[in-house]
Amino acid sequence: MPIYEYRCNACKKEFEQLVFGNQAIKCLECGSAGVTKKMSVFGMSGVENPRTGSGSSACGSCSGKSCSTC
């Protein structure tokens, strides 16, 4: 049950909707079925300090093999 972002072609309102299967999507503002799915940006947590574990430098500001030596 993903949440998608849409833009209404009639009133230009942008909205998000939780979609169940092949549910018909209508604008929450004007009720029009003429909507376009927008490209969504997603977020990820826990990737602020990546650790490669490959032996290469994970940070660009030092020449150490791991961020613990910076």
PDB file of N, CA and C in Angstrom:
ATOM      1  N   MET A   1       0.833  -1.181   0.000  1.00  0.00           N
ATOM      2  CA  MET A   1       0.000   0.000   0.000  1.00  0.00           C
ATOM      3  C   MET A   1       0.881   1.250   0.000  1.00  0.00           C
ATOM      4  N   PRO A   2       1.438   1.576  -1.143  1.00  0.00           N
ATOM      5  CA  PRO A   2       2.305   2.750  -1.223  1.00  0.00           C
ATOM      6  C   PRO A   2       1.518   4.054  -1.273  1.00  0.00           C
ATOM      7  N   ILE A   3       2.199   5.107  -0.879  1.00  0.00           N
ATOM      8  CA  ILE A   3       1.646   6.456  -0.991  1.00  0.00           C
ATOM      9  C   ILE A   3       2.252   7.082  -2.238  1.00  0.00           C
ATOM     10  N   TYR A   4       1.403   7.559  -3.135  1.00  0.00           N
ATOM     11  CA  TYR A   4       1.856   8.204  -4.356  1.00  0.00           C
ATOM     12  C   TYR A   4       1.498   9.683  -4.317  1.00  0.00           C
ATOM     13  N   GLU A   5       2.248  10.474  -5.084  1.00  0.00           N
ATOM     14  CA  GLU A   5       1.981  11.905  -5.221  1.00  0.00           C
ATOM     15  C   GLU A   5       1.337  12.136  -6.583  1.00  0.00           C
ATOM     16  N   TYR A   6       0.306  12.972  -6.595  1.00  0.00           N
ATOM     17  CA  TYR A   6      -0.437  13.260  -7.817  1.00  0.00           C
ATOM     18  C   TYR A   6      -0.599  14.762  -7.993  1.00  0.00           C
ATOM     19  N   ARG A   7      -0.910  15.157  -9.242  1.00  0.00           N
ATOM     20  CA  ARG A   7      -1.248  16.550  -9.568  1.00  0.00           C
ATOM     21  C   ARG A   7      -2.497  16.501 -10.430  1.00  0.00           C
ATOM     22  N   CYS A   8      -3.494  17.272 -10.029  1.00  0.00           N
ATOM     23  CA  CYS A   8      -4.754  17.322 -10.761  1.00  0.00           C
ATOM     24  C   CYS A   8      -4.576  18.142 -12.037  1.00  0.00           C
ATOM     25  N   ASN A   9      -5.039  17.600 -13.161  1.00  0.00           N
ATOM     26  CA  ASN A   9      -4.935  18.316 -14.438  1.00  0.00           C
ATOM     27  C   ASN A   9      -5.956  19.446 -14.544  1.00  0.00           C
ATOM     28  N   ALA A  10      -7.035  19.368 -13.773  1.00  0.00           N
ATOM     29  CA  ALA A  10      -8.093  20.379 -13.840  1.00  0.00           C
ATOM     30  C   ALA A  10      -7.800  21.584 -12.949  1.00  0.00           C
ATOM     31  N   CYS A  11      -7.577  21.348 -11.648  1.00  0.00           N
ATOM     32  CA  CYS A  11      -7.410  22.471 -10.714  1.00  0.00           C
ATOM     33  C   CYS A  11      -5.953  22.693 -10.288  1.00  0.00           C
ATOM     34  N   LYS A  12      -5.046  21.824 -10.752  1.00  0.00           N
ATOM     35  CA  LYS A  12      -3.592  21.936 -10.488  1.00  0.00           C
ATOM     36  C   LYS A  12      -3.209  21.664  -9.039  1.00  0.00           C
ATOM     37  N   LYS A  13      -4.145  21.180  -8.222  1.00  0.00           N
ATOM     38  CA  LYS A  13      -3.861  20.837  -6.829  1.00  0.00           C
ATOM     39  C   LYS A  13      -2.935  19.621  -6.782  1.00  0.00           C
ATOM     40  N   GLU A  14      -1.934  19.648  -5.891  1.00  0.00           N
ATOM     41  CA  GLU A  14      -1.045  18.511  -5.682  1.00  0.00           C
ATOM     42  C   GLU A  14      -1.440  17.829  -4.380  1.00  0.00           C
ATOM     43  N   PHE A  15      -1.446  16.484  -4.390  1.00  0.00           N
ATOM     44  CA  PHE A  15      -1.872  15.741  -3.213  1.00  0.00           C
ATOM     45  C   PHE A  15      -1.210  14.370  -3.188  1.00  0.00           C
ATOM     46  N   GLU A  16      -1.231  13.752  -2.016  1.00  0.00           N
ATOM     47  CA  GLU A  16      -0.726  12.397  -1.834  1.00  0.00           C
ATOM     48  C   GLU A  16      -1.902  11.491  -1.545  1.00  0.00           C
ATOM     49  N   GLN A  17      -1.804  10.222  -1.978  1.00  0.00           N
ATOM     50  CA  GLN A  17      -2.886   9.288  -1.704  1.00  0.00           C
ATOM     51  C   GLN A  17      -2.316   7.892  -1.483  1.00  0.00           C
ATOM     52  N   LEU A  18      -2.837   7.232  -0.464  1.00  0.00           N
ATOM     53  CA  LEU A  18      -2.520   5.844  -0.185  1.00  0.00           C
ATOM     54  C   LEU A  18      -3.318   5.001  -1.172  1.00  0.00           C
ATOM     55  N   VAL A  19      -2.635   4.149  -1.950  1.00  0.00           N
ATOM     56  CA  VAL A  19      -3.285   3.424  -3.032  1.00  0.00           C
ATOM     57  C   VAL A  19      -3.420   1.944  -2.689  1.00  0.00           C
ATOM     58  N   PHE A  20      -4.633   1.433  -2.813  1.00  0.00           N
ATOM     59  CA  PHE A  20      -4.943   0.025  -2.582  1.00  0.00           C
ATOM     60  C   PHE A  20      -5.222  -0.635  -3.932  1.00  0.00           C
ATOM     61  N   GLY A  21      -4.323  -1.471  -4.413  1.00  0.00           N
ATOM     62  CA  GLY A  21      -4.534  -2.200  -5.666  1.00  0.00           C
ATOM     63  C   GLY A  21      -4.727  -1.288  -6.864  1.00  0.00           C
ATOM     64  N   ASN A  22      -5.789  -1.543  -7.641  1.00  0.00           N
ATOM     65  CA  ASN A  22      -6.084  -0.769  -8.853  1.00  0.00           C
ATOM     66  C   ASN A  22      -7.128   0.313  -8.588  1.00  0.00           C
ATOM     67  N   GLN A  23      -7.070   0.903  -7.415  1.00  0.00           N
ATOM     68  CA  GLN A  23      -8.028   1.933  -7.002  1.00  0.00           C
ATOM     69  C   GLN A  23      -7.995   3.123  -7.958  1.00  0.00           C
ATOM     70  N   ALA A  24      -9.167   3.621  -8.345  1.00  0.00           N
ATOM     71  CA  ALA A  24      -9.265   4.822  -9.173  1.00  0.00           C
ATOM     72  C   ALA A  24      -8.916   6.034  -8.317  1.00  0.00           C
ATOM     73  N   ILE A  25      -8.080   6.896  -8.849  1.00  0.00           N
ATOM     74  CA  ILE A  25      -7.631   8.086  -8.116  1.00  0.00           C
ATOM     75  C   ILE A  25      -8.401   9.298  -8.612  1.00  0.00           C
ATOM     76  N   LYS A  26      -8.918  10.076  -7.660  1.00  0.00           N
ATOM     77  CA  LYS A  26      -9.606  11.326  -7.975  1.00  0.00           C
ATOM     78  C   LYS A  26      -8.995  12.435  -7.148  1.00  0.00           C
ATOM     79  N   CYS A  27      -9.025  13.646  -7.683  1.00  0.00           N
ATOM     80  CA  CYS A  27      -8.509  14.816  -6.986  1.00  0.00           C
ATOM     81  C   CYS A  27      -9.288  15.028  -5.687  1.00  0.00           C
ATOM     82  N   LEU A  28      -8.560  15.274  -4.630  1.00  0.00           N
ATOM     83  CA  LEU A  28      -9.196  15.500  -3.331  1.00  0.00           C
ATOM     84  C   LEU A  28      -9.879  16.864  -3.262  1.00  0.00           C
ATOM     85  N   GLU A  29      -9.495  17.787  -4.135  1.00  0.00           N
ATOM     86  CA  GLU A  29     -10.050  19.149  -4.131  1.00  0.00           C
ATOM     87  C   GLU A  29     -11.316  19.258  -4.985  1.00  0.00           C
ATOM     88  N   CYS A  30     -11.203  18.837  -6.258  1.00  0.00           N
ATOM     89  CA  CYS A  30     -12.333  19.041  -7.177  1.00  0.00           C
ATOM     90  C   CYS A  30     -13.018  17.751  -7.621  1.00  0.00           C
ATOM     91  N   GLY A  31     -12.443  16.591  -7.309  1.00  0.00           N
ATOM     92  CA  GLY A  31     -13.056  15.320  -7.656  1.00  0.00           C
ATOM     93  C   GLY A  31     -12.773  14.823  -9.061  1.00  0.00           C
ATOM     94  N   SER A  32     -11.960  15.541  -9.809  1.00  0.00           N
ATOM     95  CA  SER A  32     -11.629  15.143 -11.172  1.00  0.00           C
ATOM     96  C   SER A  32     -10.807  13.859 -11.180  1.00  0.00           C
ATOM     97  N   ALA A  33     -11.082  13.002 -12.178  1.00  0.00           N
ATOM     98  CA  ALA A  33     -10.307  11.771 -12.340  1.00  0.00           C
ATOM     99  C   ALA A  33      -9.076  12.004 -13.217  1.00  0.00           C
ATOM    100  N   GLY A  34      -8.940  13.209 -13.756  1.00  0.00           N
ATOM    101  CA  GLY A  34      -7.791  13.550 -14.600  1.00  0.00           C
ATOM    102  C   GLY A  34      -6.603  13.971 -13.746  1.00  0.00           C
ATOM    103  N   VAL A  35      -5.858  13.000 -13.267  1.00  0.00           N
ATOM    104  CA  VAL A  35      -4.698  13.275 -12.419  1.00  0.00           C
ATOM    105  C   VAL A  35      -3.454  12.651 -13.037  1.00  0.00           C
ATOM    106  N   THR A  36      -2.314  13.227 -12.724  1.00  0.00           N
ATOM    107  CA  THR A  36      -1.028  12.734 -13.201  1.00  0.00           C
ATOM    108  C   THR A  36      -0.167  12.361 -12.013  1.00  0.00           C
ATOM    109  N   LYS A  37       0.418  11.165 -12.068  1.00  0.00           N
ATOM    110  CA  LYS A  37       1.302  10.726 -10.990  1.00  0.00           C
ATOM    111  C   LYS A  37       2.622  11.467 -11.122  1.00  0.00           C
ATOM    112  N   LYS A  38       3.084  12.028 -10.021  1.00  0.00           N
ATOM    113  CA  LYS A  38       4.340  12.776 -10.002  1.00  0.00           C
ATOM    114  C   LYS A  38       5.498  11.836  -9.675  1.00  0.00           C
ATOM    115  N   MET A  39       6.681  12.232 -10.058  1.00  0.00           N
ATOM    116  CA  MET A  39       7.880  11.508  -9.663  1.00  0.00           C
ATOM    117  C   MET A  39       8.153  11.877  -8.218  1.00  0.00           C
ATOM    118  N   SER A  40       8.275  10.891  -7.365  1.00  0.00           N
ATOM    119  CA  SER A  40       8.465  11.130  -5.941  1.00  0.00           C
ATOM    120  C   SER A  40       9.930  11.013  -5.555  1.00  0.00           C
ATOM    121  N   VAL A  41      10.290  11.777  -4.552  1.00  0.00           N
ATOM    122  CA  VAL A  41      11.615  11.690  -3.958  1.00  0.00           C
ATOM    123  C   VAL A  41      11.447  10.946  -2.651  1.00  0.00           C
ATOM    124  N   PHE A  42      12.298   9.972  -2.405  1.00  0.00           N
ATOM    125  CA  PHE A  42      12.177   9.224  -1.168  1.00  0.00           C
ATOM    126  C   PHE A  42      13.385   9.496  -0.288  1.00  0.00           C
ATOM    127  N   GLY A  43      13.216   9.282   0.983  1.00  0.00           N
ATOM    128  CA  GLY A  43      14.293   9.513   1.940  1.00  0.00           C
ATOM    129  C   GLY A  43      14.758   8.208   2.547  1.00  0.00           C
ATOM    130  N   MET A  44      16.008   8.190   2.927  1.00  0.00           N
ATOM    131  CA  MET A  44      16.576   7.021   3.590  1.00  0.00           C
ATOM    132  C   MET A  44      17.285   7.501   4.839  1.00  0.00           C
ATOM    133  N   SER A  45      17.112   6.785   5.918  1.00  0.00           N
ATOM    134  CA  SER A  45      17.826   7.150   7.127  1.00  0.00           C
ATOM    135  C   SER A  45      18.946   6.157   7.358  1.00  0.00           C
ATOM    136  N   GLY A  46      19.969   6.593   8.075  1.00  0.00           N
ATOM    137  CA  GLY A  46      21.086   5.710   8.385  1.00  0.00           C
ATOM    138  C   GLY A  46      22.173   5.705   7.340  1.00  0.00           C
ATOM    139  N   VAL A  47      22.097   6.584   6.347  1.00  0.00           N
ATOM    140  CA  VAL A  47      23.130   6.610   5.314  1.00  0.00           C
ATOM    141  C   VAL A  47      23.979   7.883   5.384  1.00  0.00           C
ATOM    142  N   GLU A  48      23.846   8.612   6.486  1.00  0.00           N
ATOM    143  CA  GLU A  48      24.601   9.852   6.618  1.00  0.00           C
ATOM    144  C   GLU A  48      26.101   9.602   6.717  1.00  0.00           C
ATOM    145  N   ASN A  49      26.524   8.517   7.375  1.00  0.00           N
ATOM    146  CA  ASN A  49      27.925   8.136   7.513  1.00  0.00           C
ATOM    147  C   ASN A  49      28.122   6.732   6.959  1.00  0.00           C
ATOM    148  N   PRO A  50      28.234   6.609   5.629  1.00  0.00           N
ATOM    149  CA  PRO A  50      28.382   5.279   5.064  1.00  0.00           C
ATOM    150  C   PRO A  50      29.721   4.657   5.429  1.00  0.00           C
ATOM    151  N   ARG A  51      29.709   3.362   5.631  1.00  0.00           N
ATOM    152  CA  ARG A  51      30.938   2.616   5.898  1.00  0.00           C
ATOM    153  C   ARG A  51      31.043   1.561   4.822  1.00  0.00           C
ATOM    154  N   THR A  52      32.097   1.627   4.059  1.00  0.00           N
ATOM    155  CA  THR A  52      32.218   0.712   2.933  1.00  0.00           C
ATOM    156  C   THR A  52      32.729  -0.649   3.350  1.00  0.00           C
ATOM    157  N   GLY A  53      33.662  -0.724   4.291  1.00  0.00           N
ATOM    158  CA  GLY A  53      34.208  -2.004   4.691  1.00  0.00           C
ATOM    159  C   GLY A  53      35.084  -2.620   3.629  1.00  0.00           C
ATOM    160  N   SER A  54      35.398  -1.883   2.594  1.00  0.00           N
ATOM    161  CA  SER A  54      36.175  -2.434   1.492  1.00  0.00           C
ATOM    162  C   SER A  54      37.653  -2.100   1.597  1.00  0.00           C
ATOM    163  N   GLY A  55      38.037  -1.382   2.640  1.00  0.00           N
ATOM    164  CA  GLY A  55      39.444  -1.014   2.782  1.00  0.00           C
ATOM    165  C   GLY A  55      39.804   0.273   2.085  1.00  0.00           C
ATOM    166  N   SER A  56      38.866   0.879   1.384  1.00  0.00           N
ATOM    167  CA  SER A  56      39.155   2.145   0.723  1.00  0.00           C
ATOM    168  C   SER A  56      38.703   3.282   1.622  1.00  0.00           C
ATOM    169  N   SER A  57      39.216   4.448   1.356  1.00  0.00           N
ATOM    170  CA  SER A  57      38.863   5.607   2.163  1.00  0.00           C
ATOM    171  C   SER A  57      37.398   5.952   1.978  1.00  0.00           C
ATOM    172  N   ALA A  58      36.663   6.019   3.072  1.00  0.00           N
ATOM    173  CA  ALA A  58      35.239   6.330   3.004  1.00  0.00           C
ATOM    174  C   ALA A  58      34.990   7.824   3.052  1.00  0.00           C
ATOM    175  N   CYS A  59      35.993   8.614   3.473  1.00  0.00           N
ATOM    176  CA  CYS A  59      35.806  10.060   3.507  1.00  0.00           C
ATOM    177  C   CYS A  59      36.759  10.736   2.526  1.00  0.00           C
ATOM    178  N   GLY A  60      36.314  11.846   2.012  1.00  0.00           N
ATOM    179  CA  GLY A  60      37.129  12.563   1.046  1.00  0.00           C
ATOM    180  C   GLY A  60      38.104  13.531   1.679  1.00  0.00           C
ATOM    181  N   SER A  61      38.018  13.737   3.002  1.00  0.00           N
ATOM    182  CA  SER A  61      38.855  14.755   3.633  1.00  0.00           C
ATOM    183  C   SER A  61      40.124  14.201   4.266  1.00  0.00           C
ATOM    184  N   CYS A  62      40.378  12.900   4.158  1.00  0.00           N
ATOM    185  CA  CYS A  62      41.588  12.342   4.740  1.00  0.00           C
ATOM    186  C   CYS A  62      42.099  11.182   3.908  1.00  0.00           C
ATOM    187  N   SER A  63      43.237  10.682   4.258  1.00  0.00           N
ATOM    188  CA  SER A  63      43.800   9.554   3.517  1.00  0.00           C
ATOM    189  C   SER A  63      43.739   8.261   4.322  1.00  0.00           C
ATOM    190  N   GLY A  64      43.036   8.295   5.486  1.00  0.00           N
ATOM    191  CA  GLY A  64      42.915   7.098   6.319  1.00  0.00           C
ATOM    192  C   GLY A  64      42.065   6.047   5.660  1.00  0.00           C
ATOM    193  N   LYS A  65      42.194   4.824   6.125  1.00  0.00           N
ATOM    194  CA  LYS A  65      41.429   3.709   5.563  1.00  0.00           C
ATOM    195  C   LYS A  65      40.016   3.617   6.125  1.00  0.00           C
ATOM    196  N   SER A  66      39.714   4.300   7.249  1.00  0.00           N
ATOM    197  CA  SER A  66      38.370   4.307   7.794  1.00  0.00           C
ATOM    198  C   SER A  66      38.099   5.652   8.436  1.00  0.00           C
ATOM    199  N   CYS A  67      36.842   5.976   8.634  1.00  0.00           N
ATOM    200  CA  CYS A  67      36.479   7.268   9.214  1.00  0.00           C
ATOM    201  C   CYS A  67      36.897   7.375  10.683  1.00  0.00           C
ATOM    202  N   SER A  68      37.159   6.264  11.319  1.00  0.00           N
ATOM    203  CA  SER A  68      37.574   6.336  12.720  1.00  0.00           C
ATOM    204  C   SER A  68      38.965   6.939  12.879  1.00  0.00           C
ATOM    205  N   THR A  69      39.740   7.043  11.784  1.00  0.00           N
ATOM    206  CA  THR A  69      41.080   7.648  11.864  1.00  0.00           C
ATOM    207  C   THR A  69      41.075   9.124  11.511  1.00  0.00           C
ATOM    208  N   CYS A  70      39.945   9.657  11.096  1.00  0.00           N
ATOM    209  CA  CYS A  70      39.869  11.083  10.709  1.00  0.00           C
ATOM    210  C   CYS A  70      39.911  11.981  11.920  1.00  0.00           C
TER     211      CYS A  70
END
